[in-house]
């Protein structure tokens, strides 16, 4: 009889990796309510359109522990594409602080439009 070999399963990542670029802005104006995100593997406006409506989570670590965890989350939603190179505009429930610029974020695969 063969013995069943148990492999250690790798955790499955259910989100796309993203990068917070900054607020939407012009030369002298900054629009704090709109955040620009770059999603891994998205290079065109058409690809970015697929992510419209998807949820975004900015997970960060804080000093003070709340509910037995030092991790906190800011939730947002992807609204539309920004330009032709796959950057998207997102709106978060609370505006993203400048400390988060350049930080990674998670683009969830839900709500699904398929």
Protein backbone atom coordinates (compact mmCIF):
# COMPACT_ATOMS: atom_id res chain seq x y z
CA UNK A 1 0.00 0.00 0.00
CA UNK A 2 1.28 3.44 -0.92
CA UNK A 3 1.47 6.07 1.74
CA UNK A 4 -0.28 9.32 0.85
CA UNK A 5 2.33 12.06 0.58
CA UNK A 6 0.95 15.32 1.97
CA UNK A 7 2.31 18.38 0.20
CA UNK A 8 2.36 21.72 1.94
CA UNK A 9 -0.06 23.84 -0.08
CA UNK A 10 0.94 27.33 -1.06
CA UNK A 11 -1.58 30.00 -0.04
CA UNK A 12 -3.60 31.28 -2.99
CA UNK A 13 -3.55 35.03 -3.59
CA UNK A 14 -7.07 36.20 -4.44
CA UNK A 15 -6.13 39.75 -5.36
CA UNK A 16 -4.03 41.60 -7.90
CA UNK A 17 -1.08 43.60 -6.65
CA UNK A 18 -1.28 47.34 -7.07
CA UNK A 19 0.73 50.45 -6.27
CA UNK A 20 -0.58 53.74 -4.92
CA UNK A 21 0.87 56.51 -7.08
CA UNK A 22 -0.66 59.59 -5.49
CA UNK A 23 -3.62 61.91 -5.74
CA UNK A 24 -5.06 63.08 -9.04
CA UNK A 25 -3.64 66.52 -9.69
CA UNK A 26 -2.93 69.33 -12.09
CA UNK A 27 -0.02 71.73 -11.90
CA UNK A 28 -1.31 73.67 -8.91
CA UNK A 29 -4.39 71.73 -7.77
CA UNK A 30 -4.57 68.42 -5.93
CA UNK A 31 -7.74 66.32 -5.87
CA UNK A 32 -7.41 64.45 -2.57
CA UNK A 33 -10.59 62.42 -3.04
CA UNK A 34 -9.21 60.65 -6.14
CA UNK A 35 -6.23 58.29 -5.83
CA UNK A 36 -4.22 57.00 -8.80
CA UNK A 37 -3.28 53.30 -8.78
CA UNK A 38 -1.01 51.21 -10.97
CA UNK A 39 -2.09 47.55 -11.21
CA UNK A 40 0.45 44.81 -12.03
CA UNK A 41 0.13 43.54 -15.60
CA UNK A 42 -2.27 46.27 -16.74
CA UNK A 43 -0.78 48.25 -19.61
CA UNK A 44 -3.74 49.56 -21.63
CA UNK A 45 -6.91 51.50 -21.07
CA UNK A 46 -8.95 48.47 -22.22
CA UNK A 47 -7.31 46.21 -19.60
CA UNK A 48 -7.92 48.85 -16.92
CA UNK A 49 -11.64 48.98 -17.79
CA UNK A 50 -12.01 45.38 -16.56
CA UNK A 51 -11.06 46.52 -13.04
CA UNK A 52 -13.71 49.25 -12.85
CA UNK A 53 -15.92 48.68 -9.82
CA UNK A 54 -13.46 46.32 -8.11
CA UNK A 55 -12.61 46.85 -4.43
CA UNK A 56 -9.19 48.08 -3.32
CA UNK A 57 -7.63 47.49 0.09
CA UNK A 58 -4.71 49.50 1.42
CA UNK A 59 -3.35 47.41 4.31
CA UNK A 60 -0.92 49.13 6.66
CA UNK A 61 0.58 48.65 10.09
CA UNK A 62 -0.14 51.01 12.99
CA UNK A 63 1.53 51.40 16.38
CA UNK A 64 -1.55 50.91 18.55
CA UNK A 65 -3.24 47.51 18.64
CA UNK A 66 -6.98 47.50 17.92
CA UNK A 67 -8.99 44.24 18.11
CA UNK A 68 -5.78 42.25 18.75
CA UNK A 69 -4.20 43.41 15.47
CA UNK A 70 -1.73 46.11 14.47
CA UNK A 71 -2.86 45.88 10.83
CA UNK A 72 -5.48 48.28 9.52
CA UNK A 73 -7.27 48.57 6.20
CA UNK A 74 -8.59 51.44 4.12
CA UNK A 75 -11.19 50.36 1.55
CA UNK A 76 -11.82 51.94 -1.82
CA UNK A 77 -13.30 51.28 -5.22
CA UNK A 78 -11.82 51.60 -8.69
CA UNK A 79 -13.83 54.16 -10.66
CA UNK A 80 -12.30 54.46 -14.14
CA UNK A 81 -9.12 54.47 -16.20
CA UNK A 82 -6.68 57.38 -16.08
CA UNK A 83 -4.81 57.95 -19.32
CA UNK A 84 -3.90 55.26 -21.84
CA UNK A 85 -1.21 53.30 -19.97
CA UNK A 86 -3.35 51.27 -17.56
CA UNK A 87 -3.38 53.60 -14.55
CA UNK A 88 -6.76 53.75 -12.77
CA UNK A 89 -8.57 56.24 -10.56
CA UNK A 90 -9.93 55.02 -7.24
CA UNK A 91 -12.04 56.59 -4.52
CA UNK A 92 -11.47 55.52 -0.94
CA UNK A 93 -13.94 55.90 1.93
CA UNK A 94 -11.41 58.14 3.64
CA UNK A 95 -8.82 59.96 1.54
CA UNK A 96 -5.47 58.19 1.27
CA UNK A 97 -2.74 59.91 3.32
CA UNK A 98 0.47 60.97 1.51
CA UNK A 99 2.37 58.47 3.69
CA UNK A 100 0.81 55.77 1.49
CA UNK A 101 2.19 57.07 -1.81
CA UNK A 102 4.38 54.37 -3.34
CA UNK A 103 2.95 51.71 -1.02
CA UNK A 104 1.45 48.41 -2.23
CA UNK A 105 -2.30 47.84 -2.24
CA UNK A 106 -4.57 44.89 -3.00
CA UNK A 107 -7.03 44.99 -5.89
CA UNK A 108 -9.71 42.41 -5.08
CA UNK A 109 -11.31 40.30 -7.81
CA UNK A 110 -14.81 41.19 -6.62
CA UNK A 111 -17.50 42.34 -7.27
CA UNK A 112 -17.30 40.32 -10.49
CA UNK A 113 -18.85 41.64 -13.69
CA UNK A 114 -18.51 38.32 -15.54
